[in-house]
Amino acid sequence: MDKNKLNKLVEETMNSMDVAGKATPAPFLLTRINARMEREDAYSTIWEKVSAFIAKPAVAFPVLAVVLAINFFIIRSSVNNNSSSSASDYSKVATDDYSLSTATSLFDFENGQK
């Protein structure tokens, strides 16, 4: 593109902004926005109010900390209880599960009986 042509396009673009006026909002725009916000607040349900309260960081972080602490103590106590069980308990469970003396004839598939 020719340099003179480019300069002409730039000048036309810059001059087009001289005609542009200041943007003004519609009359009573702020009043209408405030009225709509108040109307939405009046029709909000209890669940919306509760969720808005819980979503506040001043409430959400302490609740999260309490839940994590409870989970930590539950897991810690279950680990302490499980550590007292011995290997004989596990071998007894394995023996009971894989024993051939248990009832293996519950399902007789060859005869079609259940």
C-alpha atoms as a PDB file:
ATOM      1  CA  MET A   1       0.000   0.000   0.000  1.00  0.00           C
ATOM      2  CA  ASP A   2       1.221   3.483  -0.826  1.00  0.00           C
ATOM      3  CA  LYS A   3       2.516   5.525   2.121  1.00  0.00           C
ATOM      4  CA  ASN A   4       0.424   8.569   1.142  1.00  0.00           C
ATOM      5  CA  LYS A   5      -2.703   6.439   0.923  1.00  0.00           C
ATOM      6  CA  LEU A   6      -1.972   4.955   4.334  1.00  0.00           C
ATOM      7  CA  ASN A   7      -1.471   8.401   5.864  1.00  0.00           C
ATOM      8  CA  LYS A   8      -4.752   9.545   4.311  1.00  0.00           C
ATOM      9  CA  LEU A   9      -6.625   6.586   5.872  1.00  0.00           C
ATOM     10  CA  VAL A  10      -5.075   7.324   9.256  1.00  0.00           C
ATOM     11  CA  GLU A  11      -6.090  10.988   9.038  1.00  0.00           C
ATOM     12  CA  GLU A  12      -9.667  10.060   8.056  1.00  0.00           C
ATOM     13  CA  THR A  13      -9.885   7.703  11.014  1.00  0.00           C
ATOM     14  CA  MET A  14      -8.556  10.311  13.422  1.00  0.00           C
ATOM     15  CA  ASN A  15     -10.928  12.963  12.052  1.00  0.00           C
ATOM     16  CA  SER A  16     -13.944  10.676  12.404  1.00  0.00           C
ATOM     17  CA  MET A  17     -13.441  10.721  16.182  1.00  0.00           C
ATOM     18  CA  ASP A  18     -13.740  14.526  16.242  1.00  0.00           C
ATOM     19  CA  VAL A  19     -17.435  14.267  15.411  1.00  0.00           C
ATOM     20  CA  ALA A  20     -18.194  11.662  18.088  1.00  0.00           C
ATOM     21  CA  GLY A  21     -20.011  13.055  21.101  1.00  0.00           C
ATOM     22  CA  LYS A  22     -20.016  12.104  24.736  1.00  0.00           C
ATOM     23  CA  ALA A  23     -22.024   8.993  25.543  1.00  0.00           C
ATOM     24  CA  THR A  24     -24.937   9.681  27.880  1.00  0.00           C
ATOM     25  CA  PRO A  25     -27.126   7.095  29.604  1.00  0.00           C
ATOM     26  CA  ALA A  26     -30.857   6.928  29.186  1.00  0.00           C
ATOM     27  CA  PRO A  27     -32.817   9.078  31.632  1.00  0.00           C
ATOM     28  CA  PHE A  28     -33.553   7.431  35.001  1.00  0.00           C
ATOM     29  CA  LEU A  29     -31.295   4.457  34.182  1.00  0.00           C
ATOM     30  CA  LEU A  30     -29.835   4.288  37.677  1.00  0.00           C
ATOM     31  CA  THR A  31     -33.311   4.493  39.224  1.00  0.00           C
ATOM     32  CA  ARG A  32     -34.517   1.565  37.116  1.00  0.00           C
ATOM     33  CA  ILE A  33     -31.467  -0.524  37.967  1.00  0.00           C
ATOM     34  CA  ASN A  34     -31.921   0.105  41.698  1.00  0.00           C
ATOM     35  CA  ALA A  35     -35.641  -0.717  41.497  1.00  0.00           C
ATOM     36  CA  ARG A  36     -34.930  -4.028  39.777  1.00  0.00           C
ATOM     37  CA  MET A  37     -32.297  -4.967  42.350  1.00  0.00           C
ATOM     38  CA  GLU A  38     -34.708  -4.228  45.203  1.00  0.00           C
ATOM     39  CA  ARG A  39     -37.421  -6.268  43.493  1.00  0.00           C
ATOM     40  CA  GLU A  40     -35.069  -9.253  43.163  1.00  0.00           C
ATOM     41  CA  ASP A  41     -34.134  -8.958  46.842  1.00  0.00           C
ATOM     42  CA  ALA A  42     -37.801  -8.991  47.826  1.00  0.00           C
ATOM     43  CA  TYR A  43     -38.466 -12.220  45.898  1.00  0.00           C
ATOM     44  CA  SER A  44     -35.358 -14.120  46.994  1.00  0.00           C
ATOM     45  CA  THR A  45     -36.035 -17.417  48.744  1.00  0.00           C
ATOM     46  CA  ILE A  46     -34.647 -18.578  52.044  1.00  0.00           C
ATOM     47  CA  TRP A  47     -32.270 -20.926  50.202  1.00  0.00           C
ATOM     48  CA  GLU A  48     -30.786 -18.042  48.256  1.00  0.00           C
ATOM     49  CA  LYS A  49     -30.251 -16.129  51.478  1.00  0.00           C
ATOM     50  CA  VAL A  50     -28.670 -19.135  53.207  1.00  0.00           C
ATOM     51  CA  SER A  51     -26.387 -19.883  50.261  1.00  0.00           C
ATOM     52  CA  ALA A  52     -25.345 -16.237  50.083  1.00  0.00           C
ATOM     53  CA  PHE A  53     -24.478 -16.348  53.799  1.00  0.00           C
ATOM     54  CA  ILE A  54     -22.525 -19.603  53.505  1.00  0.00           C
ATOM     55  CA  ALA A  55     -20.661 -18.365  50.426  1.00  0.00           C
ATOM     56  CA  LYS A  56     -19.083 -15.529  52.382  1.00  0.00           C
ATOM     57  CA  PRO A  57     -15.378 -16.237  52.945  1.00  0.00           C
ATOM     58  CA  ALA A  58     -15.700 -15.325  56.634  1.00  0.00           C
ATOM     59  CA  VAL A  59     -18.109 -18.270  57.012  1.00  0.00           C
ATOM     60  CA  ALA A  60     -16.855 -20.689  54.356  1.00  0.00           C
ATOM     61  CA  PHE A  61     -13.229 -20.958  55.502  1.00  0.00           C
ATOM     62  CA  PRO A  62     -13.957 -21.704  59.189  1.00  0.00           C
ATOM     63  CA  VAL A  63     -16.607 -24.271  58.221  1.00  0.00           C
ATOM     64  CA  LEU A  64     -14.146 -25.905  55.834  1.00  0.00           C
ATOM     65  CA  ALA A  65     -11.487 -25.957  58.562  1.00  0.00           C
ATOM     66  CA  VAL A  66     -13.887 -27.619  61.022  1.00  0.00           C
ATOM     67  CA  VAL A  67     -14.909 -30.265  58.469  1.00  0.00           C
ATOM     68  CA  LEU A  68     -11.275 -31.029  57.648  1.00  0.00           C
ATOM     69  CA  ALA A  69     -10.409 -31.260  61.354  1.00  0.00           C
ATOM     70  CA  ILE A  70     -13.279 -33.687  61.975  1.00  0.00           C
ATOM     71  CA  ASN A  71     -12.159 -35.822  59.018  1.00  0.00           C
ATOM     72  CA  PHE A  72      -8.576 -35.807  60.308  1.00  0.00           C
ATOM     73  CA  PHE A  73      -9.606 -36.983  63.771  1.00  0.00           C
ATOM     74  CA  ILE A  74     -11.913 -39.680  62.395  1.00  0.00           C
ATOM     75  CA  ILE A  75      -9.196 -41.042  60.118  1.00  0.00           C
ATOM     76  CA  ARG A  76      -6.645 -40.853  62.925  1.00  0.00           C
ATOM     77  CA  SER A  77      -8.880 -42.765  65.324  1.00  0.00           C
ATOM     78  CA  SER A  78      -9.684 -45.431  62.735  1.00  0.00           C
ATOM     79  CA  VAL A  79      -5.964 -45.934  62.024  1.00  0.00           C
ATOM     80  CA  ASN A  80      -5.299 -46.363  65.756  1.00  0.00           C
ATOM     81  CA  ASN A  81      -8.105 -48.920  66.077  1.00  0.00           C
ATOM     82  CA  ASN A  82      -6.940 -50.898  63.052  1.00  0.00           C
ATOM     83  CA  SER A  83      -3.329 -51.047  64.242  1.00  0.00           C
ATOM     84  CA  SER A  84      -4.395 -53.161  67.232  1.00  0.00           C
ATOM     85  CA  SER A  85      -5.627 -55.974  65.010  1.00  0.00           C
ATOM     86  CA  SER A  86      -3.101 -58.717  64.425  1.00  0.00           C
ATOM     87  CA  ALA A  87      -2.055 -60.824  61.489  1.00  0.00           C
ATOM     88  CA  SER A  88      -4.056 -63.745  62.848  1.00  0.00           C
ATOM     89  CA  ASP A  89      -7.250 -61.763  62.306  1.00  0.00           C
ATOM     90  CA  TYR A  90      -6.366 -61.284  58.659  1.00  0.00           C
ATOM     91  CA  SER A  91      -5.448 -64.915  58.170  1.00  0.00           C
ATOM     92  CA  LYS A  92      -8.750 -65.972  59.759  1.00  0.00           C
ATOM     93  CA  VAL A  93     -10.659 -63.779  57.311  1.00  0.00           C
ATOM     94  CA  ALA A  94      -8.703 -65.181  54.382  1.00  0.00           C
ATOM     95  CA  THR A  95      -9.309 -68.731  55.605  1.00  0.00           C
ATOM     96  CA  ASP A  96     -13.033 -68.103  55.936  1.00  0.00           C
ATOM     97  CA  ASP A  97     -13.276 -66.528  52.503  1.00  0.00           C
ATOM     98  CA  TYR A  98     -11.293 -69.122  50.567  1.00  0.00           C
ATOM     99  CA  SER A  99     -12.149 -72.245  52.506  1.00  0.00           C
ATOM    100  CA  LEU A 100     -13.309 -75.250  50.517  1.00  0.00           C
ATOM    101  CA  SER A 101     -15.460 -76.406  53.393  1.00  0.00           C
ATOM    102  CA  THR A 102     -17.979 -73.632  52.826  1.00  0.00           C
ATOM    103  CA  ALA A 103     -21.098 -74.333  50.885  1.00  0.00           C
ATOM    104  CA  THR A 104     -19.986 -74.476  47.256  1.00  0.00           C
ATOM    105  CA  SER A 105     -23.091 -76.172  46.012  1.00  0.00           C
ATOM    106  CA  LEU A 106     -25.355 -73.158  46.351  1.00  0.00           C
ATOM    107  CA  PHE A 107     -25.550 -72.869  42.603  1.00  0.00           C
ATOM    108  CA  ASP A 108     -25.714 -75.983  40.501  1.00  0.00           C
ATOM    109  CA  PHE A 109     -25.321 -74.631  37.010  1.00  0.00           C
ATOM    110  CA  GLU A 110     -25.172 -77.998  35.243  1.00  0.00           C
ATOM    111  CA  ASN A 111     -28.678 -78.970  36.306  1.00  0.00           C
ATOM    112  CA  GLY A 112     -30.134 -75.509  35.829  1.00  0.00           C
ATOM    113  CA  GLN A 113     -31.073 -75.176  39.486  1.00  0.00           C
ATOM    114  CA  LYS A 114     -30.546 -72.107  41.545  1.00  0.00           C
END
